[in-house]
Amino acid sequence: MKRLHLKNILLFSLILIVGVGGTALAAVSSEATPANLPTEQWKGNSFTFLALPADKQAAGYDIFPVGQAEQGFAGDRSVRSSYAAHVGKEAVVTEIVSFPAGYNQNEYLVYLTVKDTGEKLVGRTMRGQLDGLVLTADLVNAKEQFLGKVVYPKFRELSGVYVPGTNSMPETVAVAIGSPATVVDVYTGNQNQEPIWLILSVNGEKAILPIAYSWTNMPVNSWTQNPPWQDALFTEDPRVSFGWSLDTWNKIERGIVEEGMTKGQIRLSWGKPVSTEEDDTVWIYGTKKLGFTGEILHSIETIE
């Protein structure tokens, strides 16, 4: 395989610093923890090209034929990998090359070979993430774990599914937080942070629940000990497993937060806080400052 010389890696590093301010495929059981692969461990793994949002499809993927990589990294959009020729295709990572990206951080050149064509490509990570790809094993394992199963979304509404041949955009589908829905399909989505779509049957309608199955190809500073899909759904009926009162669930459904509620209840009612302070004892939501003692909310203040 054609290699990029050290001088080109240094050039790519310079471009990155100037541009952003210096800144083995295997199915697992449904009970297994997803494999969270840092970029250095991608070699030998297969990735699938995501669908792209409609407004980005013409530009294609920010991944380039190896022989035109220098042009691509310098900003030549004409050498990007085309959307039509790559969407849904699988590519195997053949090599990872680390390079300095400023502020004592490294980024990576990721070399790939497209499975059915043998095409040689290379992309460059940004904060450890390579746009437009999902680990193929995540898609396989998400299907194994969720397809045909009942899940309990943590949202009040979900995007509807577009029906080909219709001129209207899909409407949102109303759901009750923690209510049951059956997964009827699983496929790649169009967003890097939530690259897999669970297609749910909800009250006779189909809706999209986007998830990330593992932390692979996600910025490392966002990783936690829990699988990322746990932010989107429960796998057991929370009205049974938590034992909360009907009054508490009614408040959550209406978006009410009051003293005495737990962090878990507040996250369901208001979502993730915009920011946290003082070792997670203070949560900020816009103009609201919530103070906790342990897991229990003890104060709500309005701030400027």
C-alpha atoms as a PDB file:
ATOM      1  CA  MET A   1       0.000   0.000   0.000  1.00  0.00           C
ATOM      2  CA  LYS A   2       1.200   3.456  -0.834  1.00  0.00           C
ATOM      3  CA  ARG A   3       2.381   5.242   2.306  1.00  0.00           C
ATOM      4  CA  LEU A   4       2.306   8.935   3.102  1.00  0.00           C
ATOM      5  CA  HIS A   5       5.768  10.310   3.841  1.00  0.00           C
ATOM      6  CA  LEU A   6       6.689  11.898   7.161  1.00  0.00           C
ATOM      7  CA  LYS A   7       6.812  15.360   5.586  1.00  0.00           C
ATOM      8  CA  ASN A   8       3.184  14.961   4.556  1.00  0.00           C
ATOM      9  CA  ILE A   9       2.191  13.887   8.054  1.00  0.00           C
ATOM     10  CA  LEU A  10       3.861  17.019   9.374  1.00  0.00           C
ATOM     11  CA  LEU A  11       2.022  19.046   6.751  1.00  0.00           C
ATOM     12  CA  PHE A  12      -1.266  17.506   7.862  1.00  0.00           C
ATOM     13  CA  SER A  13      -0.383  18.360  11.456  1.00  0.00           C
ATOM     14  CA  LEU A  14       0.249  21.969  10.516  1.00  0.00           C
ATOM     15  CA  ILE A  15      -3.028  22.173   8.622  1.00  0.00           C
ATOM     16  CA  LEU A  16      -4.870  20.756  11.620  1.00  0.00           C
ATOM     17  CA  ILE A  17      -3.233  23.134  14.103  1.00  0.00           C
ATOM     18  CA  VAL A  18      -3.915  26.174  11.945  1.00  0.00           C
ATOM     19  CA  GLY A  19      -7.423  25.039  11.031  1.00  0.00           C
ATOM     20  CA  VAL A  20      -8.742  24.225  14.490  1.00  0.00           C
ATOM     21  CA  GLY A  21      -6.674  26.348  16.817  1.00  0.00           C
ATOM     22  CA  GLY A  22      -4.173  23.662  17.750  1.00  0.00           C
ATOM     23  CA  THR A  23      -6.520  22.122  19.102  1.00  0.00           C
ATOM     24  CA  ALA A  24     -11.758  -8.467  14.902  1.00  0.00           C
ATOM     25  CA  LEU A  25     -15.369  -8.176  13.872  1.00  0.00           C
ATOM     26  CA  ALA A  26     -17.197 -10.499  16.241  1.00  0.00           C
ATOM     27  CA  ALA A  27     -20.801 -10.654  17.358  1.00  0.00           C
ATOM     28  CA  VAL A  28     -21.272 -10.678  21.104  1.00  0.00           C
ATOM     29  CA  SER A  29     -24.120 -11.927  23.212  1.00  0.00           C
ATOM     30  CA  SER A  30     -26.858  -9.495  24.194  1.00  0.00           C
ATOM     31  CA  GLU A  31     -25.509  -9.530  27.741  1.00  0.00           C
ATOM     32  CA  ALA A  32     -21.946  -8.553  26.758  1.00  0.00           C
ATOM     33  CA  THR A  33     -20.450  -5.123  27.206  1.00  0.00           C
ATOM     34  CA  PRO A  34     -19.806  -3.376  23.867  1.00  0.00           C
ATOM     35  CA  ALA A  35     -16.164  -3.274  22.780  1.00  0.00           C
ATOM     36  CA  ASN A  36     -14.948   0.318  23.149  1.00  0.00           C
ATOM     37  CA  LEU A  37     -11.995   0.610  20.789  1.00  0.00           C
ATOM     38  CA  PRO A  38      -9.661   3.619  21.004  1.00  0.00           C
ATOM     39  CA  THR A  39      -8.313   4.724  17.643  1.00  0.00           C
ATOM     40  CA  GLU A  40      -4.988   2.944  18.180  1.00  0.00           C
ATOM     41  CA  GLN A  41      -6.872  -0.391  18.198  1.00  0.00           C
ATOM     42  CA  TRP A  42      -8.877   0.064  14.997  1.00  0.00           C
ATOM     43  CA  LYS A  43      -6.495  -1.856  12.738  1.00  0.00           C
ATOM     44  CA  GLY A  44      -8.158  -4.985  11.368  1.00  0.00           C
ATOM     45  CA  ASN A  45     -11.673  -3.816  12.222  1.00  0.00           C
ATOM     46  CA  SER A  46     -14.407  -3.141   9.705  1.00  0.00           C
ATOM     47  CA  PHE A  47     -16.292   0.160   9.536  1.00  0.00           C
ATOM     48  CA  THR A  48     -19.456   0.966   7.574  1.00  0.00           C
ATOM     49  CA  PHE A  49     -20.064   4.247   5.760  1.00  0.00           C
ATOM     50  CA  LEU A  50     -23.013   6.074   7.303  1.00  0.00           C
ATOM     51  CA  ALA A  51     -25.811   7.706   5.407  1.00  0.00           C
ATOM     52  CA  LEU A  52     -25.227  11.466   5.313  1.00  0.00           C
ATOM     53  CA  PRO A  53     -27.799  14.214   5.874  1.00  0.00           C
ATOM     54  CA  ALA A  54     -29.334  15.340   2.587  1.00  0.00           C
ATOM     55  CA  ASP A  55     -27.468  18.659   2.622  1.00  0.00           C
ATOM     56  CA  LYS A  56     -24.083  16.899   2.904  1.00  0.00           C
ATOM     57  CA  GLN A  57     -24.494  14.133   0.368  1.00  0.00           C
ATOM     58  CA  ALA A  58     -23.266  16.164  -2.601  1.00  0.00           C
ATOM     59  CA  ALA A  59     -20.000  16.954  -0.792  1.00  0.00           C
ATOM     60  CA  GLY A  60     -19.361  13.295   0.039  1.00  0.00           C
ATOM     61  CA  TYR A  61     -17.181  11.917   2.840  1.00  0.00           C
ATOM     62  CA  ASP A  62     -14.162  13.709   4.284  1.00  0.00           C
ATOM     63  CA  ILE A  63     -12.104  10.618   3.412  1.00  0.00           C
ATOM     64  CA  PHE A  64      -9.834  10.516   0.366  1.00  0.00           C
ATOM     65  CA  PRO A  65      -8.159   8.172  -2.111  1.00  0.00           C
ATOM     66  CA  VAL A  66      -4.623   7.636  -0.816  1.00  0.00           C
ATOM     67  CA  GLY A  67      -3.039   9.160  -3.918  1.00  0.00           C
ATOM     68  CA  GLN A  68      -5.058  12.385  -3.485  1.00  0.00           C
ATOM     69  CA  ALA A  69      -4.939  12.633   0.298  1.00  0.00           C
ATOM     70  CA  GLU A  70      -2.625  15.640   0.412  1.00  0.00           C
ATOM     71  CA  GLN A  71      -5.017  17.616  -1.779  1.00  0.00           C
ATOM     72  CA  GLY A  72      -7.961  16.538   0.315  1.00  0.00           C
ATOM     73  CA  PHE A  73      -6.392  17.462   3.632  1.00  0.00           C
ATOM     74  CA  ALA A  74      -5.445  20.820   2.151  1.00  0.00           C
ATOM     75  CA  GLY A  75      -9.141  21.509   1.502  1.00  0.00           C
ATOM     76  CA  ASP A  76      -9.798  20.238  -2.041  1.00  0.00           C
ATOM     77  CA  ARG A  77     -13.390  19.018  -1.776  1.00  0.00           C
ATOM     78  CA  SER A  78     -13.345  17.572  -5.296  1.00  0.00           C
ATOM     79  CA  VAL A  79     -11.295  14.560  -4.173  1.00  0.00           C
ATOM     80  CA  ARG A  80     -13.646  13.495  -1.381  1.00  0.00           C
ATOM     81  CA  SER A  81     -15.063   9.975  -1.484  1.00  0.00           C
ATOM     82  CA  SER A  82     -18.448  10.202  -3.184  1.00  0.00           C
ATOM     83  CA  TYR A  83     -21.602   9.507  -1.239  1.00  0.00           C
ATOM     84  CA  ALA A  84     -23.318   7.315  -3.825  1.00  0.00           C
ATOM     85  CA  ALA A  85     -20.295   5.060  -4.304  1.00  0.00           C
ATOM     86  CA  HIS A  86     -19.643   4.460  -0.601  1.00  0.00           C
ATOM     87  CA  VAL A  87     -22.810   4.731   1.500  1.00  0.00           C
ATOM     88  CA  GLY A  88     -23.457   1.419   3.244  1.00  0.00           C
ATOM     89  CA  LYS A  89     -20.129  -0.059   2.079  1.00  0.00           C
ATOM     90  CA  GLU A  90     -17.684  -1.657   4.503  1.00  0.00           C
ATOM     91  CA  ALA A  91     -14.001  -0.797   4.738  1.00  0.00           C
ATOM     92  CA  VAL A  92     -11.282  -2.481   6.777  1.00  0.00           C
ATOM     93  CA  VAL A  93      -8.723  -0.418   8.672  1.00  0.00           C
ATOM     94  CA  THR A  94      -5.274  -1.488   7.462  1.00  0.00           C
ATOM     95  CA  GLU A  95      -3.029   1.013   9.231  1.00  0.00           C
ATOM     96  CA  ILE A  96      -3.105   3.745  11.860  1.00  0.00           C
ATOM     97  CA  VAL A  97      -0.499   6.522  11.868  1.00  0.00           C
ATOM     98  CA  SER A  98      -0.306   8.889  14.833  1.00  0.00           C
ATOM     99  CA  PHE A  99       0.825  12.489  14.369  1.00  0.00           C
ATOM    100  CA  PRO A 100       1.130  15.516  16.697  1.00  0.00           C
ATOM    101  CA  ALA A 101      -1.829  17.893  16.632  1.00  0.00           C
ATOM    102  CA  GLY A 102      -0.764  20.554  19.124  1.00  0.00           C
ATOM    103  CA  TYR A 103      -1.380  21.040  22.842  1.00  0.00           C
ATOM    104  CA  ASN A 104       0.312  17.695  23.551  1.00  0.00           C
ATOM    105  CA  GLN A 105      -2.434  15.892  21.657  1.00  0.00           C
ATOM    106  CA  ASN A 106      -2.159  13.316  18.897  1.00  0.00           C
ATOM    107  CA  GLU A 107      -4.494  12.672  15.996  1.00  0.00           C
ATOM    108  CA  TYR A 108      -4.447   9.802  13.499  1.00  0.00           C
ATOM    109  CA  LEU A 109      -4.323   9.043   9.815  1.00  0.00           C
ATOM    110  CA  VAL A 110      -6.621   6.070   9.283  1.00  0.00           C
ATOM    111  CA  TYR A 111      -5.964   3.930   6.196  1.00  0.00           C
ATOM    112  CA  LEU A 112      -8.860   1.837   4.899  1.00  0.00           C
ATOM    113  CA  THR A 113      -9.515  -0.676   2.120  1.00  0.00           C
ATOM    114  CA  VAL A 114     -13.076  -0.863   0.779  1.00  0.00           C
ATOM    115  CA  LYS A 115     -14.141  -4.500   0.907  1.00  0.00           C
ATOM    116  CA  ASP A 116     -15.881  -5.026  -2.416  1.00  0.00           C
ATOM    117  CA  THR A 117     -13.703  -2.763  -4.576  1.00  0.00           C
ATOM    118  CA  GLY A 118     -10.248  -2.839  -2.955  1.00  0.00           C
ATOM    119  CA  GLU A 119     -10.142   0.976  -3.087  1.00  0.00           C
ATOM    120  CA  LYS A 120      -7.484   2.467  -0.795  1.00  0.00           C
ATOM    121  CA  LEU A 121      -8.627   5.438   1.288  1.00  0.00           C
ATOM    122  CA  VAL A 122      -7.296   7.542   4.138  1.00  0.00           C
ATOM    123  CA  GLY A 123      -9.036   9.834   6.613  1.00  0.00           C
ATOM    124  CA  ARG A 124      -7.827  12.056   9.426  1.00  0.00           C
ATOM    125  CA  THR A 125      -9.394  12.029  12.874  1.00  0.00           C
ATOM    126  CA  MET A 126     -10.550  15.106  14.750  1.00  0.00           C
ATOM    127  CA  ARG A 127     -10.520  14.611  18.535  1.00  0.00           C
ATOM    128  CA  GLY A 128     -10.102  10.893  17.858  1.00  0.00           C
ATOM    129  CA  GLN A 129     -13.200  10.656  15.671  1.00  0.00           C
ATOM    130  CA  LEU A 130     -13.388   9.934  11.941  1.00  0.00           C
ATOM    131  CA  ASP A 131     -16.558  11.387  10.441  1.00  0.00           C
ATOM    132  CA  GLY A 132     -18.957   9.280   8.432  1.00  0.00           C
ATOM    133  CA  LEU A 133     -18.188   5.816   9.808  1.00  0.00           C
ATOM    134  CA  VAL A 134     -19.596   3.384  12.369  1.00  0.00           C
ATOM    135  CA  LEU A 135     -17.909   0.256  13.669  1.00  0.00           C
ATOM    136  CA  THR A 136     -19.573  -2.578  11.746  1.00  0.00           C
ATOM    137  CA  ALA A 137     -19.544  -4.776  14.847  1.00  0.00           C
ATOM    138  CA  ASP A 138     -21.675  -2.157  16.621  1.00  0.00           C
ATOM    139  CA  LEU A 139     -24.337  -2.462  13.933  1.00  0.00           C
ATOM    140  CA  VAL A 140     -24.213  -6.265  14.077  1.00  0.00           C
ATOM    141  CA  ASN A 141     -24.409  -6.348  17.856  1.00  0.00           C
ATOM    142  CA  ALA A 142     -27.146  -3.699  18.058  1.00  0.00           C
ATOM    143  CA  LYS A 143     -29.264  -5.882  15.769  1.00  0.00           C
ATOM    144  CA  GLU A 144     -28.568  -8.933  17.893  1.00  0.00           C
ATOM    145  CA  GLN A 145     -29.395  -7.169  21.143  1.00  0.00           C
ATOM    146  CA  PHE A 146     -32.399  -5.058  20.178  1.00  0.00           C
ATOM    147  CA  LEU A 147     -34.128  -6.339  17.019  1.00  0.00           C
ATOM    148  CA  GLY A 148     -37.540  -7.751  17.891  1.00  0.00           C
ATOM    149  CA  LYS A 149     -37.169  -6.703  21.522  1.00  0.00           C
ATOM    150  CA  VAL A 150     -39.237  -4.287  23.602  1.00  0.00           C
ATOM    151  CA  VAL A 151     -37.374  -1.182  24.768  1.00  0.00           C
ATOM    152  CA  TYR A 152     -38.458   1.860  26.789  1.00  0.00           C
ATOM    153  CA  PRO A 153     -37.315   5.207  25.278  1.00  0.00           C
ATOM    154  CA  LYS A 154     -36.277   8.077  27.537  1.00  0.00           C
ATOM    155  CA  PHE A 155     -37.932  10.727  25.355  1.00  0.00           C
ATOM    156  CA  ARG A 156     -41.346  12.359  24.945  1.00  0.00           C
ATOM    157  CA  GLU A 157     -41.207  12.432  21.156  1.00  0.00           C
ATOM    158  CA  LEU A 158     -39.242  10.771  18.362  1.00  0.00           C
ATOM    159  CA  SER A 159     -38.759  11.486  14.678  1.00  0.00           C
ATOM    160  CA  GLY A 160     -41.109   9.653  12.366  1.00  0.00           C
ATOM    161  CA  VAL A 161     -39.892   7.438   9.528  1.00  0.00           C
ATOM    162  CA  TYR A 162     -39.933   8.834   5.994  1.00  0.00           C
ATOM    163  CA  VAL A 163     -42.131   6.850   3.615  1.00  0.00           C
ATOM    164  CA  PRO A 164     -40.607   6.673   0.093  1.00  0.00           C
ATOM    165  CA  GLY A 165     -42.865   8.062  -2.609  1.00  0.00           C
ATOM    166  CA  THR A 166     -44.509  10.632  -0.365  1.00  0.00           C
ATOM    167  CA  ASN A 167     -43.906  14.355  -0.585  1.00  0.00           C
ATOM    168  CA  SER A 168     -44.452  15.134   3.081  1.00  0.00           C
ATOM    169  CA  MET A 169     -41.764  15.124   5.727  1.00  0.00           C
ATOM    170  CA  PRO A 170     -42.301  12.625   8.546  1.00  0.00           C
ATOM    171  CA  GLU A 171     -44.039  13.999  11.605  1.00  0.00           C
ATOM    172  CA  THR A 172     -42.809  13.552  15.141  1.00  0.00           C
ATOM    173  CA  VAL A 173     -44.254  10.644  17.078  1.00  0.00           C
ATOM    174  CA  ALA A 174     -45.380  11.312  20.646  1.00  0.00           C
ATOM    175  CA  VAL A 175     -44.338   8.730  23.240  1.00  0.00           C
ATOM    176  CA  ALA A 176     -44.564   8.557  27.002  1.00  0.00           C
ATOM    177  CA  ILE A 177     -41.178   8.487  28.730  1.00  0.00           C
ATOM    178  CA  GLY A 178     -40.345   4.911  29.636  1.00  0.00           C
ATOM    179  CA  SER A 179     -43.281   3.468  27.692  1.00  0.00           C
ATOM    180  CA  PRO A 180     -42.830   0.188  25.766  1.00  0.00           C
ATOM    181  CA  ALA A 181     -41.933   0.103  22.061  1.00  0.00           C
ATOM    182  CA  THR A 182     -40.888  -2.795  19.840  1.00  0.00           C
ATOM    183  CA  VAL A 183     -37.726  -2.582  17.714  1.00  0.00           C
ATOM    184  CA  VAL A 184     -38.757  -3.637  14.201  1.00  0.00           C
ATOM    185  CA  ASP A 185     -35.562  -2.714  12.333  1.00  0.00           C
ATOM    186  CA  VAL A 186     -31.973  -1.559  12.925  1.00  0.00           C
ATOM    187  CA  TYR A 187     -29.792   0.258  10.420  1.00  0.00           C
ATOM    188  CA  THR A 188     -27.172   2.968  10.048  1.00  0.00           C
ATOM    189  CA  GLY A 189     -28.226   6.534  10.729  1.00  0.00           C
ATOM    190  CA  ASN A 190     -26.712   9.798   9.519  1.00  0.00           C
ATOM    191  CA  GLN A 191     -25.063  11.311  12.620  1.00  0.00           C
ATOM    192  CA  ASN A 192     -21.625  10.487  14.025  1.00  0.00           C
ATOM    193  CA  GLN A 193     -22.620  10.798  17.676  1.00  0.00           C
ATOM    194  CA  GLU A 194     -25.633   8.456  17.293  1.00  0.00           C
ATOM    195  CA  PRO A 195     -24.780   6.414  14.206  1.00  0.00           C
ATOM    196  CA  ILE A 196     -27.334   3.619  14.607  1.00  0.00           C
ATOM    197  CA  TRP A 197     -31.090   3.951  14.237  1.00  0.00           C
ATOM    198  CA  LEU A 198     -33.475   1.680  16.096  1.00  0.00           C
ATOM    199  CA  ILE A 199     -36.800   1.708  14.237  1.00  0.00           C
ATOM    200  CA  LEU A 200     -39.597   1.425  16.763  1.00  0.00           C
ATOM    201  CA  SER A 201     -43.242   0.505  16.455  1.00  0.00           C
ATOM    202  CA  VAL A 202     -45.113   2.947  18.697  1.00  0.00           C
ATOM    203  CA  ASN A 203     -48.918   2.913  18.828  1.00  0.00           C
ATOM    204  CA  GLY A 204     -49.156   1.795  15.209  1.00  0.00           C
ATOM    205  CA  GLU A 205     -46.557   4.311  13.987  1.00  0.00           C
ATOM    206  CA  LYS A 206     -42.892   3.913  13.177  1.00  0.00           C
ATOM    207  CA  ALA A 207     -40.331   6.155  14.859  1.00  0.00           C
ATOM    208  CA  ILE A 208     -36.551   6.530  14.943  1.00  0.00           C
ATOM    209  CA  LEU A 209     -34.552   6.138  18.152  1.00  0.00           C
ATOM    210  CA  PRO A 210     -30.904   7.097  17.403  1.00  0.00           C
ATOM    211  CA  ILE A 211     -28.223   5.466  19.546  1.00  0.00           C
ATOM    212  CA  ALA A 212     -24.504   4.840  19.743  1.00  0.00           C
ATOM    213  CA  TYR A 213     -23.856   1.221  20.635  1.00  0.00           C
ATOM    214  CA  SER A 214     -20.279   1.616  21.861  1.00  0.00           C
ATOM    215  CA  TRP A 215     -17.846   4.484  22.471  1.00  0.00           C
ATOM    216  CA  THR A 216     -15.748   3.469  19.448  1.00  0.00           C
ATOM    217  CA  ASN A 217     -15.183   6.440  17.096  1.00  0.00           C
ATOM    218  CA  MET A 218     -16.436   8.881  19.715  1.00  0.00           C
ATOM    219  CA  PRO A 219     -14.342  11.658  21.316  1.00  0.00           C
ATOM    220  CA  VAL A 220     -12.568  10.028  24.264  1.00  0.00           C
ATOM    221  CA  ASN A 221     -13.556  12.812  26.659  1.00  0.00           C
ATOM    222  CA  SER A 222     -17.197  11.756  26.251  1.00  0.00           C
ATOM    223  CA  TRP A 223     -16.626   8.123  27.283  1.00  0.00           C
ATOM    224  CA  THR A 224     -18.198   6.763  30.465  1.00  0.00           C
ATOM    225  CA  GLN A 225     -18.344   3.357  32.126  1.00  0.00           C
ATOM    226  CA  ASN A 226     -21.871   2.744  30.787  1.00  0.00           C
ATOM    227  CA  PRO A 227     -22.796   1.883  27.189  1.00  0.00           C
ATOM    228  CA  PRO A 228     -23.860   5.079  25.386  1.00  0.00           C
ATOM    229  CA  TRP A 229     -27.245   3.609  24.388  1.00  0.00           C
ATOM    230  CA  GLN A 230     -28.281   3.766  28.035  1.00  0.00           C
ATOM    231  CA  ASP A 231     -28.794   7.521  27.573  1.00  0.00           C
ATOM    232  CA  ALA A 232     -31.565   6.723  25.076  1.00  0.00           C
ATOM    233  CA  LEU A 233     -33.507   3.785  26.478  1.00  0.00           C
ATOM    234  CA  PHE A 234     -34.288   1.331  29.243  1.00  0.00           C
ATOM    235  CA  THR A 235     -34.246  -2.394  28.537  1.00  0.00           C
ATOM    236  CA  GLU A 236     -36.712  -3.114  31.362  1.00  0.00           C
ATOM    237  CA  ASP A 237     -39.973  -1.398  32.268  1.00  0.00           C
ATOM    238  CA  PRO A 238     -38.855   1.475  34.544  1.00  0.00           C
ATOM    239  CA  ARG A 239     -42.319   1.798  36.059  1.00  0.00           C
ATOM    240  CA  VAL A 240     -41.802  -1.668  37.486  1.00  0.00           C
ATOM    241  CA  SER A 241     -38.062  -1.720  38.179  1.00  0.00           C
ATOM    242  CA  PHE A 242     -37.849   1.703  39.882  1.00  0.00           C
ATOM    243  CA  GLY A 243     -40.994   1.509  41.967  1.00  0.00           C
ATOM    244  CA  TRP A 244     -41.630   5.255  41.678  1.00  0.00           C
ATOM    245  CA  SER A 245     -45.110   6.557  42.415  1.00  0.00           C
ATOM    246  CA  LEU A 246     -47.637   7.413  39.726  1.00  0.00           C
ATOM    247  CA  ASP A 247     -47.399  11.045  40.878  1.00  0.00           C
ATOM    248  CA  THR A 248     -43.647  11.049  40.199  1.00  0.00           C
ATOM    249  CA  TRP A 249     -44.151   9.663  36.686  1.00  0.00           C
ATOM    250  CA  ASN A 250     -46.845  12.252  35.999  1.00  0.00           C
ATOM    251  CA  LYS A 251     -44.412  15.016  36.983  1.00  0.00           C
ATOM    252  CA  ILE A 252     -41.711  13.560  34.748  1.00  0.00           C
ATOM    253  CA  GLU A 253     -44.143  13.418  31.819  1.00  0.00           C
ATOM    254  CA  ARG A 254     -45.080  17.066  32.366  1.00  0.00           C
ATOM    255  CA  GLY A 255     -41.461  18.202  32.686  1.00  0.00           C
ATOM    256  CA  ILE A 256     -41.771  19.165  36.331  1.00  0.00           C
ATOM    257  CA  VAL A 257     -38.739  19.246  38.632  1.00  0.00           C
ATOM    258  CA  GLU A 258     -39.073  19.874  42.350  1.00  0.00           C
ATOM    259  CA  GLU A 259     -37.122  19.413  45.568  1.00  0.00           C
ATOM    260  CA  GLY A 260     -36.904  15.829  46.764  1.00  0.00           C
ATOM    261  CA  MET A 261     -36.562  14.355  43.276  1.00  0.00           C
ATOM    262  CA  THR A 262     -33.530  12.225  42.427  1.00  0.00           C
ATOM    263  CA  LYS A 263     -30.932  12.868  39.742  1.00  0.00           C
ATOM    264  CA  GLY A 264     -32.342   9.996  37.703  1.00  0.00           C
ATOM    265  CA  GLN A 265     -35.836  11.463  37.819  1.00  0.00           C
ATOM    266  CA  ILE A 266     -34.576  14.915  36.875  1.00  0.00           C
ATOM    267  CA  ARG A 267     -32.606  13.606  33.900  1.00  0.00           C
ATOM    268  CA  LEU A 268     -35.766  11.973  32.598  1.00  0.00           C
ATOM    269  CA  SER A 269     -37.799  15.142  33.173  1.00  0.00           C
ATOM    270  CA  TRP A 270     -35.314  17.735  31.867  1.00  0.00           C
ATOM    271  CA  GLY A 271     -32.629  15.707  30.104  1.00  0.00           C
ATOM    272  CA  LYS A 272     -28.898  16.119  30.622  1.00  0.00           C
ATOM    273  CA  PRO A 273     -27.801  19.301  32.405  1.00  0.00           C
ATOM    274  CA  VAL A 274     -26.084  21.936  30.289  1.00  0.00           C
ATOM    275  CA  SER A 275     -23.194  21.864  32.749  1.00  0.00           C
ATOM    276  CA  THR A 276     -22.304  20.576  36.207  1.00  0.00           C
ATOM    277  CA  GLU A 277     -20.265  22.129  39.018  1.00  0.00           C
ATOM    278  CA  GLU A 278     -18.777  21.286  42.405  1.00  0.00           C
ATOM    279  CA  ASP A 279     -18.214  17.573  41.846  1.00  0.00           C
ATOM    280  CA  ASP A 280     -21.662  17.036  40.333  1.00  0.00           C
ATOM    281  CA  THR A 281     -23.515  18.553  43.297  1.00  0.00           C
ATOM    282  CA  VAL A 282     -24.755  21.456  41.135  1.00  0.00           C
ATOM    283  CA  TRP A 283     -26.531  21.089  37.789  1.00  0.00           C
ATOM    284  CA  ILE A 284     -27.220  24.010  35.444  1.00  0.00           C
ATOM    285  CA  TYR A 285     -30.192  24.125  33.060  1.00  0.00           C
ATOM    286  CA  GLY A 286     -30.330  27.519  31.368  1.00  0.00           C
ATOM    287  CA  THR A 287     -31.398  29.948  34.101  1.00  0.00           C
ATOM    288  CA  LYS A 288     -31.995  27.202  36.673  1.00  0.00           C
ATOM    289  CA  LYS A 289     -29.351  26.068  39.162  1.00  0.00           C
ATOM    290  CA  LEU A 290     -30.099  22.805  40.933  1.00  0.00           C
ATOM    291  CA  GLY A 291     -28.300  21.855  44.149  1.00  0.00           C
ATOM    292  CA  PHE A 292     -28.017  18.247  45.355  1.00  0.00           C
ATOM    293  CA  THR A 293     -27.215  16.453  48.562  1.00  0.00           C
ATOM    294  CA  GLY A 294     -26.047  13.090  47.321  1.00  0.00           C
ATOM    295  CA  GLU A 295     -28.621  12.011  44.733  1.00  0.00           C
ATOM    296  CA  ILE A 296     -31.453  14.182  46.120  1.00  0.00           C
ATOM    297  CA  LEU A 297     -32.382  17.672  44.893  1.00  0.00           C
ATOM    298  CA  HIS A 298     -32.444  20.117  47.809  1.00  0.00           C
ATOM    299  CA  SER A 299     -32.595  23.533  46.095  1.00  0.00           C
ATOM    300  CA  ILE A 300     -33.655  25.263  42.872  1.00  0.00           C
ATOM    301  CA  GLU A 301     -32.371  28.759  42.135  1.00  0.00           C
ATOM    302  CA  THR A 302     -32.992  31.135  39.251  1.00  0.00           C
ATOM    303  CA  ILE A 303     -29.773  32.656  37.918  1.00  0.00           C
ATOM    304  CA  GLU A 304     -29.048  35.433  35.465  1.00  0.00           C
END
